[in-house]
Amino acid sequence: MAQSDNPVELFGMYVAHVGINAKNPEEAAQIAEDFSVLMGLPARDTPASVFSGTLVETMKENGRGTCGHIGFHVDDLEAAVAWFAERGLHIDESSRKFTEDGSTRLVYFDREIGGFAVHLTTD
């Protein structure tokens, strides 16, 4: 495989986390507690979700994706977005989240894959 055909090599891509959709904040807290017991991952509460370490994000409600989401880290988000667009995978512009300096830190693709919403992130 040529290097230009491999986003893992091009953009330092790796799975940043898996997202689980909970029904409500209480269920999200319980799921995070279960991951704490199972894997020793500390829970970190945010307004929209509860993270279990950095590996699992449990959405408190209304999470993206039929089955949840998968977040992929990339070193250069805009270059990765352009690379995927050239291959027919486009982003949902309304999903962009920004850093304090105005650069994009997260963006979702415009369609699910296997029931999962997929996003790219620099986090």
Protein backbone atom coordinates (compact mmCIF):
# COMPACT_ATOMS: atom_id res chain seq x y z
CA MET A 1 0.00 0.00 0.00
CA ALA A 2 1.37 3.41 -0.93
CA GLN A 3 1.79 5.83 1.93
CA SER A 4 -0.68 8.26 0.30
CA ASP A 5 -3.39 5.58 0.65
CA ASN A 6 -2.98 5.14 4.39
CA PRO A 7 -4.49 7.79 6.70
CA VAL A 8 -2.91 6.11 9.74
CA GLU A 9 0.54 6.91 8.37
CA LEU A 10 -0.41 10.25 6.80
CA PHE A 11 -2.17 11.75 9.79
CA GLY A 12 -1.05 9.74 12.82
CA MET A 13 -4.61 8.40 13.03
CA TYR A 14 -5.68 6.20 15.95
CA VAL A 15 -8.88 5.45 17.83
CA ALA A 16 -9.23 8.23 20.40
CA HIS A 17 -12.35 6.83 22.05
CA VAL A 18 -15.59 4.93 21.59
CA GLY A 19 -18.86 6.69 22.34
CA ILE A 20 -21.85 5.05 23.99
CA ASN A 21 -25.33 6.59 23.95
CA ALA A 22 -27.02 6.47 27.35
CA LYS A 23 -30.71 7.20 27.95
CA ASN A 24 -30.06 9.80 30.63
CA PRO A 25 -27.34 11.23 32.91
CA GLU A 26 -27.93 8.58 35.57
CA GLU A 27 -27.40 5.73 33.11
CA ALA A 28 -24.28 7.49 31.78
CA ALA A 29 -22.87 7.69 35.31
CA GLN A 30 -23.59 3.99 35.86
CA ILE A 31 -21.89 3.01 32.60
CA ALA A 32 -18.84 5.07 33.58
CA GLU A 33 -18.83 3.38 36.99
CA ASP A 34 -18.98 -0.03 35.29
CA PHE A 35 -15.92 0.86 33.19
CA SER A 36 -14.18 2.05 36.34
CA VAL A 37 -14.77 -1.32 38.02
CA LEU A 38 -13.96 -3.30 34.87
CA MET A 39 -10.86 -1.44 33.71
CA GLY A 40 -9.92 1.00 36.45
CA LEU A 41 -10.77 3.96 34.22
CA PRO A 42 -11.52 7.09 36.26
CA ALA A 43 -14.80 8.84 35.47
CA ARG A 44 -14.70 12.50 34.41
CA ASP A 45 -18.03 14.30 34.17
CA THR A 46 -18.59 16.92 31.44
CA PRO A 47 -21.78 18.80 30.57
CA ALA A 48 -22.69 16.41 27.70
CA SER A 49 -21.00 13.15 28.69
CA VAL A 50 -19.02 11.13 31.18
CA PHE A 51 -15.57 10.01 30.06
CA SER A 52 -14.04 6.79 31.35
CA GLY A 53 -10.36 7.62 31.16
CA THR A 54 -9.82 8.67 27.57
CA LEU A 55 -11.08 5.41 26.06
CA VAL A 56 -14.87 5.62 26.47
CA GLU A 57 -17.25 8.57 26.28
CA THR A 58 -20.79 7.92 27.48
CA MET A 59 -23.23 10.50 26.20
CA LYS A 60 -25.79 11.63 28.77
CA GLU A 61 -28.56 11.76 26.13
CA ASN A 62 -29.13 12.25 22.42
CA GLY A 63 -25.70 11.06 21.30
CA ARG A 64 -24.83 10.86 17.64
CA GLY A 65 -25.01 7.57 15.80
CA THR A 66 -27.53 4.76 15.97
CA CYS A 67 -25.06 2.61 17.90
CA GLY A 68 -22.90 5.44 19.27
CA HIS A 69 -19.78 7.01 17.83
CA ILE A 70 -16.10 6.41 17.23
CA GLY A 71 -13.60 9.24 17.53
CA PHE A 72 -10.36 9.10 15.56
CA HIS A 73 -7.42 11.33 16.49
CA VAL A 74 -5.53 12.93 13.60
CA ASP A 75 -2.47 15.18 13.79
CA ASP A 76 -3.70 17.55 11.03
CA LEU A 77 -7.47 17.74 11.00
CA GLU A 78 -7.92 20.00 7.97
CA ALA A 79 -5.53 17.93 5.84
CA ALA A 80 -7.37 14.76 6.88
CA VAL A 81 -10.76 16.32 6.04
CA ALA A 82 -9.48 17.25 2.57
CA TRP A 83 -7.95 13.80 2.05
CA PHE A 84 -11.19 12.02 2.97
CA ALA A 85 -13.27 14.43 0.83
CA GLU A 86 -11.14 13.47 -2.19
CA ARG A 87 -12.28 9.89 -1.52
CA GLY A 88 -15.97 10.75 -1.22
CA LEU A 89 -16.22 10.92 2.59
CA HIS A 90 -17.51 14.35 3.54
CA ILE A 91 -18.01 16.08 6.85
CA ASP A 92 -21.07 17.62 8.48
CA GLU A 93 -20.05 21.27 8.66
CA SER A 94 -22.60 21.92 11.41
CA SER A 95 -20.71 19.51 13.68
CA ARG A 96 -17.47 21.54 13.85
CA LYS A 97 -16.21 22.25 17.36
CA PHE A 98 -13.49 24.85 17.81
CA THR A 99 -10.56 25.54 20.09
CA GLU A 100 -10.08 28.92 21.76
CA ASP A 101 -7.76 29.98 18.92
CA GLY A 102 -10.50 29.28 16.34
CA SER A 103 -9.05 26.11 14.81
CA THR A 104 -11.26 23.05 14.43
CA ARG A 105 -10.75 20.42 17.14
CA LEU A 106 -13.54 18.00 16.15
CA VAL A 107 -15.77 17.29 13.15
CA TYR A 108 -18.15 14.44 12.27
CA PHE A 109 -18.52 12.79 8.90
CA ASP A 110 -21.94 13.34 7.29
CA ARG A 111 -22.97 9.69 7.45
CA GLU A 112 -22.79 6.73 9.78
CA ILE A 113 -20.65 3.67 9.14
CA GLY A 114 -22.08 0.43 10.51
CA GLY A 115 -24.49 2.39 12.71
CA PHE A 116 -21.71 4.52 14.22
CA ALA A 117 -21.23 8.23 13.79
CA VAL A 118 -17.54 8.85 13.11
CA HIS A 119 -15.58 11.95 13.99
CA LEU A 120 -12.05 13.22 13.62
CA THR A 121 -10.44 15.08 16.50
CA THR A 122 -7.13 16.65 17.42
CA ASP A 123 -7.68 15.90 21.12
